[in-house]
Protein backbone atom coordinates (compact mmCIF):
# COMPACT_ATOMS: atom_id res chain seq x y z
CA MET A 1 -52.21 -0.91 30.75
CA ARG A 2 -49.28 -3.26 30.10
CA ILE A 3 -47.02 -4.75 32.67
CA VAL A 4 -43.90 -6.59 31.43
CA VAL A 5 -42.01 -8.79 33.76
CA CYS A 6 -38.42 -10.00 32.96
CA VAL A 7 -37.43 -13.44 34.22
CA LYS A 8 -34.30 -15.37 33.97
CA GLU A 9 -33.77 -19.19 34.32
CA VAL A 10 -31.13 -20.15 36.91
CA LEU A 11 -29.83 -23.44 38.58
CA ASP A 12 -31.72 -24.17 41.63
CA PRO A 13 -29.53 -22.30 44.27
CA ASP A 14 -30.47 -24.79 47.06
CA ALA A 15 -29.19 -27.80 44.93
CA VAL A 16 -25.95 -25.90 44.11
CA ASN A 17 -25.46 -25.12 47.85
CA ASN A 18 -26.06 -28.79 48.77
CA TYR A 19 -23.44 -29.87 46.22
CA ALA A 20 -20.99 -27.25 47.45
CA LEU A 21 -21.32 -28.37 51.23
CA ALA A 22 -20.80 -31.93 50.16
CA GLY A 23 -17.79 -30.95 48.25
CA ARG A 24 -19.17 -32.16 44.93
CA LEU A 25 -19.52 -29.03 43.16
CA GLU A 26 -17.30 -29.23 40.07
CA ILE A 27 -16.42 -26.96 37.26
CA GLY A 28 -16.14 -28.59 33.68
CA ASP A 29 -13.05 -28.49 31.43
CA ASP A 30 -14.31 -25.25 29.87
CA GLY A 31 -13.72 -23.48 33.33
CA LYS A 32 -17.14 -21.88 33.00
CA SER A 33 -19.90 -24.32 33.60
CA LEU A 34 -20.86 -26.92 36.42
CA THR A 35 -20.71 -30.49 35.52
CA GLN A 36 -23.65 -31.59 37.57
CA ALA A 37 -26.33 -32.23 34.94
CA ALA A 38 -28.86 -33.38 37.64
CA ILE A 39 -29.15 -29.83 39.17
CA PRO A 40 -32.65 -28.47 38.20
CA ARG A 41 -33.24 -25.11 36.54
CA LEU A 42 -36.05 -22.88 37.64
CA MET A 43 -37.17 -19.37 37.58
CA ASN A 44 -35.01 -16.90 39.56
CA GLY A 45 -36.45 -16.37 42.93
CA PHE A 46 -36.56 -12.57 42.90
CA ASP A 47 -38.07 -12.50 39.24
CA GLU A 48 -40.88 -14.91 40.66
CA GLN A 49 -41.58 -12.24 43.31
CA ALA A 50 -41.60 -9.63 40.54
CA LEU A 51 -44.29 -11.68 38.79
CA GLU A 52 -46.20 -11.89 42.07
CA ALA A 53 -45.97 -8.00 42.34
CA ALA A 54 -47.63 -7.72 39.00
CA LEU A 55 -50.29 -10.30 39.75
CA ARG A 56 -51.09 -8.39 43.03
CA ILE A 57 -51.59 -5.11 41.06
CA LYS A 58 -53.95 -7.10 38.83
CA ASP A 59 -55.69 -8.47 41.95
CA THR A 60 -56.63 -4.99 43.05
CA GLY A 61 -58.84 -4.58 40.03
CA VAL A 62 -56.39 -2.56 37.76
CA GLU A 63 -57.20 -3.43 34.12
CA CYS A 64 -53.93 -4.64 32.93
CA SER A 65 -52.00 -7.42 30.87
CA ILE A 66 -49.21 -9.18 32.35
CA THR A 67 -46.40 -10.09 29.71
CA VAL A 68 -43.44 -12.37 30.94
CA VAL A 69 -40.30 -12.38 28.80
CA SER A 70 -37.09 -14.36 29.09
CA ALA A 71 -33.87 -14.35 27.25
CA GLY A 72 -32.83 -17.90 26.73
CA PRO A 73 -32.01 -20.69 24.27
CA ALA A 74 -35.56 -21.83 23.81
CA PRO A 75 -38.97 -21.52 25.75
CA GLY A 76 -38.61 -23.46 28.99
CA ASP A 77 -40.63 -24.61 31.99
CA ILE A 78 -40.20 -21.16 33.60
CA LEU A 79 -42.43 -19.80 31.03
CA LYS A 80 -45.13 -22.35 31.47
CA HIS A 81 -44.77 -21.73 35.17
CA ALA A 82 -45.50 -17.96 34.51
CA ALA A 83 -48.53 -18.97 32.49
CA ALA A 84 -49.81 -21.12 35.24
CA LEU A 85 -49.32 -18.35 37.84
CA GLY A 86 -51.51 -16.03 35.74
CA ALA A 87 -49.35 -14.21 33.10
CA ASP A 88 -51.46 -13.18 29.96
CA GLU A 89 -48.58 -13.71 27.50
CA VAL A 90 -45.20 -15.28 27.72
CA ALA A 91 -42.22 -14.70 25.23
CA SER A 92 -38.77 -16.00 24.73
CA ILE A 93 -35.95 -14.24 23.12
CA GLU A 94 -33.77 -16.97 21.47
CA VAL A 95 -30.22 -16.49 22.44
CA ASP A 96 -27.42 -18.32 24.35
CA PRO A 97 -27.22 -16.23 27.56
CA ALA A 98 -23.88 -17.81 28.53
CA ALA A 99 -22.20 -15.93 25.57
CA LEU A 100 -23.71 -12.51 26.64
CA ASP A 101 -23.15 -9.83 29.23
CA ALA A 102 -25.66 -7.66 31.12
CA HIS A 103 -25.47 -4.98 28.48
CA VAL A 104 -26.47 -7.35 25.74
CA ILE A 105 -29.29 -8.90 27.81
CA ALA A 106 -30.74 -5.53 28.73
CA SER A 107 -30.42 -4.50 24.97
CA LEU A 108 -32.58 -7.56 24.09
CA LEU A 109 -35.24 -7.04 26.96
CA ALA A 110 -35.42 -3.28 26.05
CA GLY A 111 -35.68 -4.06 22.50
CA TYR A 112 -38.52 -6.46 23.00
CA ILE A 113 -40.45 -4.17 25.03
CA ARG A 114 -39.86 -1.33 22.64
CA THR A 115 -40.87 -3.25 19.49
CA THR A 116 -44.09 -4.81 21.08
CA GLY A 117 -45.73 -1.63 22.17
CA GLY A 118 -43.81 -0.62 25.18
CA ALA A 119 -44.85 -0.84 28.84
CA ASP A 120 -46.51 1.16 31.49
CA LEU A 121 -44.48 -0.80 34.19
CA VAL A 122 -41.34 -3.02 33.88
CA LEU A 123 -40.83 -5.30 36.81
CA CYS A 124 -37.69 -7.20 37.49
CA GLY A 125 -36.15 -9.31 40.36
CA ARG A 126 -33.50 -7.23 42.39
CA GLN A 127 -30.84 -9.54 41.09
CA ALA A 128 -30.21 -13.04 39.85
CA SER A 129 -29.23 -15.93 42.18
CA ASP A 130 -26.54 -17.23 39.81
CA ASP A 131 -24.46 -13.91 39.35
CA ASP A 132 -25.83 -11.44 41.86
CA GLN A 133 -24.96 -8.40 39.84
CA GLY A 134 -28.46 -6.78 39.68
CA VAL A 135 -27.40 -4.37 36.70
CA VAL A 136 -29.82 -5.64 33.97
CA PRO A 137 -32.86 -3.75 35.38
CA ALA A 138 -30.98 -0.40 35.49
CA LEU A 139 -29.64 -0.95 32.09
CA VAL A 140 -33.13 -1.55 30.83
CA GLY A 141 -34.36 1.60 32.39
CA GLU A 142 -31.61 3.61 30.85
CA MET A 143 -32.38 2.13 27.41
CA LEU A 144 -36.19 2.79 27.53
CA ASP A 145 -35.59 6.22 29.14
CA LEU A 146 -37.57 5.22 32.13
CA PRO A 147 -36.96 6.06 35.75
CA ILE A 148 -35.85 3.09 37.86
CA VAL A 149 -36.86 2.30 41.52
CA THR A 150 -34.83 -0.37 43.23
CA ILE A 151 -35.40 -3.00 46.03
CA ALA A 152 -39.31 -2.72 46.36
CA ARG A 153 -41.49 -4.44 48.68
CA ALA A 154 -44.81 -3.27 47.25
CA VAL A 155 -45.86 -1.52 44.03
CA GLU A 156 -49.37 0.03 43.58
CA SER A 157 -51.11 1.92 40.92
CA GLY A 158 -51.20 5.64 41.81
CA ASP A 159 -52.42 8.86 40.09
CA GLY A 160 -50.86 8.58 36.56
CA GLY A 161 -48.11 6.49 37.79
CA TRP A 162 -46.78 4.23 40.64
CA ARG A 163 -46.54 4.28 44.46
CA VAL A 164 -43.32 2.09 45.39
CA THR A 165 -42.43 1.22 48.83
CA ARG A 166 -38.56 0.50 49.09
CA VAL A 167 -36.70 -1.39 51.57
CA THR A 168 -33.65 0.54 53.14
CA PRO A 169 -31.37 0.01 56.08
CA ASP A 170 -33.30 2.75 57.83
CA GLY A 171 -36.76 1.40 57.17
CA ASP A 172 -39.14 1.61 54.40
CA GLU A 173 -39.20 4.54 52.03
CA VAL A 174 -42.12 5.45 49.84
CA VAL A 175 -41.72 6.97 46.51
CA ALA A 176 -44.19 8.15 43.81
CA VAL A 177 -43.38 7.80 40.07
CA THR A 178 -45.22 9.72 37.27
CA GLY A 179 -45.79 7.56 34.18
CA GLY A 180 -43.87 4.39 33.35
CA ALA A 181 -41.03 3.04 35.39
CA VAL A 182 -38.63 0.07 35.89
CA VAL A 183 -38.93 -1.41 39.40
CA THR A 184 -36.90 -4.21 41.03
CA ILE A 185 -38.61 -6.43 43.40
CA SER A 186 -36.90 -7.91 46.64
CA ASN A 187 -37.86 -10.71 48.71
CA GLU A 188 -39.42 -8.49 51.33
CA LEU A 189 -42.56 -8.56 49.05
CA GLY A 190 -43.29 -11.94 50.67
CA ASP A 191 -43.99 -15.42 49.44
CA PRO A 192 -45.27 -15.68 45.83
CA ARG A 193 -48.36 -17.73 45.23
CA TYR A 194 -48.58 -21.25 43.80
CA PRO A 195 -50.23 -22.30 40.75
CA THR A 196 -53.21 -24.60 41.03
CA ALA A 197 -53.33 -27.96 39.42
CA ALA A 198 -55.95 -26.81 36.90
CA SER A 199 -53.69 -23.77 35.98
CA LYS A 200 -50.73 -26.12 35.48
CA ILE A 201 -52.60 -28.49 33.18
CA LYS A 202 -53.86 -25.44 31.17
CA ALA A 203 -50.28 -23.94 30.96
CA ARG A 204 -49.02 -27.06 29.37
CA ARG A 205 -50.90 -26.01 26.22
CA VAL A 206 -49.45 -22.60 26.14
CA LYS A 207 -46.97 -21.87 23.53
CA PRO A 208 -44.60 -18.94 24.24
CA THR A 209 -44.02 -16.49 21.57
CA VAL A 210 -40.35 -16.95 20.23
CA VAL A 211 -38.71 -13.76 19.31
CA ALA A 212 -35.53 -13.63 16.98
CA VAL A 213 -32.91 -11.28 17.83
CA SER A 214 -33.13 -9.87 14.30
CA ASP A 215 -36.56 -8.61 15.00
CA LEU A 216 -35.73 -6.31 17.90
CA GLY A 217 -33.97 -3.60 15.86
CA LEU A 218 -30.66 -3.82 17.76
CA SER A 219 -27.49 -2.07 16.45
CA ALA A 220 -24.06 -3.94 16.30
CA ASP A 221 -23.06 -2.14 19.25
CA ASP A 222 -26.16 -3.28 21.36
CA SER A 223 -25.39 -6.93 20.44
CA GLU A 224 -21.70 -6.73 21.32
CA PRO A 225 -20.82 -7.95 24.79
CA ARG A 226 -18.57 -5.48 26.79
CA VAL A 227 -17.72 -7.99 29.61
CA ALA A 228 -16.34 -11.41 28.91
CA PHE A 229 -16.87 -14.28 31.21
CA THR A 230 -13.53 -16.24 31.42
CA LYS A 231 -13.59 -18.57 34.31
CA GLN A 232 -15.38 -19.48 37.61
CA PHE A 233 -14.00 -21.86 40.20
CA VAL A 234 -14.82 -23.36 43.57
CA PRO A 235 -12.72 -21.84 46.20
CA THR A 236 -10.94 -23.79 48.84
CA ILE A 237 -12.13 -22.94 52.31
CA GLN A 238 -10.06 -23.87 55.27
CA GLY A 239 -11.43 -23.58 58.86
CA ASN A 240 -9.33 -23.52 62.01
CA CYS A 241 -11.01 -24.29 65.47
CA GLU A 242 -9.20 -23.71 68.73
CA PHE A 243 -10.74 -24.86 72.02
CA ILE A 244 -10.24 -22.65 75.18
CA SER A 245 -10.32 -24.51 78.44
CA GLY A 246 -11.11 -23.14 82.05
CA ASP A 247 -12.46 -24.25 85.26
CA SER A 248 -15.41 -22.07 85.26
CA PRO A 249 -17.53 -20.04 82.87
CA ALA A 250 -15.99 -16.72 84.27
CA GLU A 251 -12.49 -18.04 83.64
CA LEU A 252 -13.51 -19.31 80.19
CA ALA A 253 -14.78 -15.81 79.42
CA ASP A 254 -11.67 -13.90 80.76
CA ARG A 255 -9.52 -16.20 78.54
CA LEU A 256 -11.64 -15.72 75.52
CA ILE A 257 -11.53 -11.97 75.88
CA ALA A 258 -7.72 -12.08 76.25
CA ARG A 259 -7.28 -14.15 73.12
CA LEU A 260 -9.57 -11.86 71.10
CA ARG A 261 -7.58 -8.79 72.29
CA GLU A 262 -4.25 -10.62 71.38
CA ASP A 263 -5.65 -11.21 67.78
CA SER A 264 -6.77 -7.45 67.74
CA VAL A 265 -10.43 -8.46 67.34
CA ILE A 266 -11.51 -6.25 70.18
């Protein structure tokens, strides 16, 4: 059984938020990229939980291999991190993701899975922390002709397929999938494991398989972006605070309610 986990390298969202709160988040002259070179890059958090879901399946005794694949400029630290966590194979598709859209990224990932023997299960994070679109997994499922189950908190091997527990506003929902599937993992899965010091040292010697786009059998249409990223900017946020005075808590409450009614809030 083969499980493929798709991962993405992103800017550390906590560092980005800290720069934003300090008013130091700046966009470069190209209008598309941040100027802060000191912000570290790491594996997207939801994707790390997708890898954790694969490792938990393996922990139950299911005989499977776990392949982690990423589309990026070159094999990076995230693939060594995946190897340290327990991935059996790591692969990198050499592209510049900034110049591509979700359709092309999905085509690359689906092409890799198709040309390397397919997969019994494809796991992805529910969305990426940098663009928050969450459309790549659905496109991968469509391109591989596999059913897709979204926002999962647990995935288990079942009778000829998979048993997936989904997170919904009305509570957990359990679905059964026959055959292969694409499943997106949410943070409700729980905290991912940490690699041991020994596994980190061993992972340093791991050389990711580098895959050229020309080896994936994609058509010209598959390689052509349909959405162009033109601009990003840091919005200007203005806040106004008004203090309400009163001689007692009851008077303060009455004045607050009156003001909220004036503003048609209640």
